[in-house]
Amino acid sequence: MAISKKIARRAVDRNRIKRQVRERFRCQDQQMNDVDIVVLGRQGIAARSQQQLASDISDLFKRLRAS
């Protein structure tokens, strides 16, 4: 995972994003085939609420499973 200071200024925001990604991956782990995933933060991700962030990450994992 790469969440830089440019994307999320505060360490608490960077860590919150990383925790959400790890948790969503843990929940999806059995459904994922053997894949390596690189997660890069984009502008505006730190402004998302917990629920929005969780929903966005879940949607991305669903799209990954479908392909």
C-alpha atoms as a PDB file:
ATOM      1  CA  MET A   1       0.000   0.000   0.000  1.00  0.00           C
ATOM      2  CA  ALA A   2       1.171   3.463  -0.759  1.00  0.00           C
ATOM      3  CA  ILE A   3      -0.653   6.329   0.898  1.00  0.00           C
ATOM      4  CA  SER A   4       1.642   9.328   0.717  1.00  0.00           C
ATOM      5  CA  LYS A   5       1.657  12.574   2.665  1.00  0.00           C
ATOM      6  CA  LYS A   6       0.551  14.343  -0.498  1.00  0.00           C
ATOM      7  CA  ILE A   7      -2.656  12.314  -0.476  1.00  0.00           C
ATOM      8  CA  ALA A   8      -3.379  12.309   3.274  1.00  0.00           C
ATOM      9  CA  ARG A   9      -1.499  14.887   5.295  1.00  0.00           C
ATOM     10  CA  ARG A  10      -2.129  13.488   8.752  1.00  0.00           C
ATOM     11  CA  ALA A  11      -0.742  10.123   9.843  1.00  0.00           C
ATOM     12  CA  VAL A  12      -4.069   9.297  11.469  1.00  0.00           C
ATOM     13  CA  ASP A  13      -5.770   9.607   8.058  1.00  0.00           C
ATOM     14  CA  ARG A  14      -3.141   7.475   6.304  1.00  0.00           C
ATOM     15  CA  ASN A  15      -3.455   4.787   8.967  1.00  0.00           C
ATOM     16  CA  ARG A  16      -7.280   4.859   8.819  1.00  0.00           C
ATOM     17  CA  ILE A  17      -7.158   4.261   5.071  1.00  0.00           C
ATOM     18  CA  LYS A  18      -4.662   1.424   5.442  1.00  0.00           C
ATOM     19  CA  ARG A  19      -6.748  -0.231   8.182  1.00  0.00           C
ATOM     20  CA  GLN A  20      -9.847  -0.100   5.987  1.00  0.00           C
ATOM     21  CA  VAL A  21      -8.024  -1.667   3.032  1.00  0.00           C
ATOM     22  CA  ARG A  22      -6.563  -4.431   5.220  1.00  0.00           C
ATOM     23  CA  GLU A  23      -9.950  -5.205   6.780  1.00  0.00           C
ATOM     24  CA  ARG A  24     -11.771  -5.308   3.429  1.00  0.00           C
ATOM     25  CA  PHE A  25      -9.038  -7.557   2.009  1.00  0.00           C
ATOM     26  CA  ARG A  26      -9.268  -9.852   5.036  1.00  0.00           C
ATOM     27  CA  CYS A  27     -13.023 -10.201   4.499  1.00  0.00           C
ATOM     28  CA  GLN A  28     -12.545 -10.944   0.781  1.00  0.00           C
ATOM     29  CA  ASP A  29      -9.449 -13.160   1.148  1.00  0.00           C
ATOM     30  CA  GLN A  30     -11.168 -16.528   0.675  1.00  0.00           C
ATOM     31  CA  GLN A  31     -12.958 -15.328  -2.447  1.00  0.00           C
ATOM     32  CA  MET A  32      -9.813 -13.954  -4.071  1.00  0.00           C
ATOM     33  CA  ASN A  33      -7.647 -16.219  -6.152  1.00  0.00           C
ATOM     34  CA  ASP A  34      -3.898 -16.012  -5.816  1.00  0.00           C
ATOM     35  CA  VAL A  35      -3.352 -12.396  -6.776  1.00  0.00           C
ATOM     36  CA  ASP A  36      -1.067  -9.588  -5.756  1.00  0.00           C
ATOM     37  CA  ILE A  37      -2.773  -6.253  -5.236  1.00  0.00           C
ATOM     38  CA  VAL A  38      -1.175  -2.823  -5.208  1.00  0.00           C
ATOM     39  CA  VAL A  39      -3.203  -0.094  -3.536  1.00  0.00           C
ATOM     40  CA  LEU A  40      -2.376   3.512  -4.335  1.00  0.00           C
ATOM     41  CA  GLY A  41      -4.172   6.400  -2.702  1.00  0.00           C
ATOM     42  CA  ARG A  42      -5.674   9.117  -4.877  1.00  0.00           C
ATOM     43  CA  GLN A  43      -6.431  12.760  -4.177  1.00  0.00           C
ATOM     44  CA  GLY A  44      -9.511  13.207  -1.979  1.00  0.00           C
ATOM     45  CA  ILE A  45      -9.421   9.808  -0.298  1.00  0.00           C
ATOM     46  CA  ALA A  46      -8.685  11.318   3.124  1.00  0.00           C
ATOM     47  CA  ALA A  47     -11.898  13.373   2.961  1.00  0.00           C
ATOM     48  CA  ARG A  48     -14.087  10.256   2.585  1.00  0.00           C
ATOM     49  CA  SER A  49     -16.055   9.088   5.613  1.00  0.00           C
ATOM     50  CA  GLN A  50     -15.493   5.614   7.093  1.00  0.00           C
ATOM     51  CA  GLN A  51     -18.637   4.289   5.404  1.00  0.00           C
ATOM     52  CA  GLN A  52     -17.796   5.802   2.011  1.00  0.00           C
ATOM     53  CA  LEU A  53     -14.260   4.463   2.180  1.00  0.00           C
ATOM     54  CA  ALA A  54     -15.427   0.969   3.143  1.00  0.00           C
ATOM     55  CA  SER A  55     -18.018   0.976   0.371  1.00  0.00           C
ATOM     56  CA  ASP A  56     -15.517   2.171  -2.251  1.00  0.00           C
ATOM     57  CA  ILE A  57     -12.940  -0.442  -1.283  1.00  0.00           C
ATOM     58  CA  SER A  58     -15.551  -3.224  -1.290  1.00  0.00           C
ATOM     59  CA  ASP A  59     -16.695  -2.139  -4.757  1.00  0.00           C
ATOM     60  CA  LEU A  60     -13.120  -2.251  -6.042  1.00  0.00           C
ATOM     61  CA  PHE A  61     -12.614  -5.769  -4.682  1.00  0.00           C
ATOM     62  CA  LYS A  62     -15.894  -6.883  -6.294  1.00  0.00           C
ATOM     63  CA  ARG A  63     -14.696  -5.511  -9.625  1.00  0.00           C
ATOM     64  CA  LEU A  64     -11.382  -7.298  -9.183  1.00  0.00           C
ATOM     65  CA  ARG A  65     -13.115 -10.632  -8.456  1.00  0.00           C
ATOM     66  CA  ALA A  66     -15.322 -10.230 -11.529  1.00  0.00           C
ATOM     67  CA  SER A  67     -12.347  -9.861 -13.869  1.00  0.00           C
END
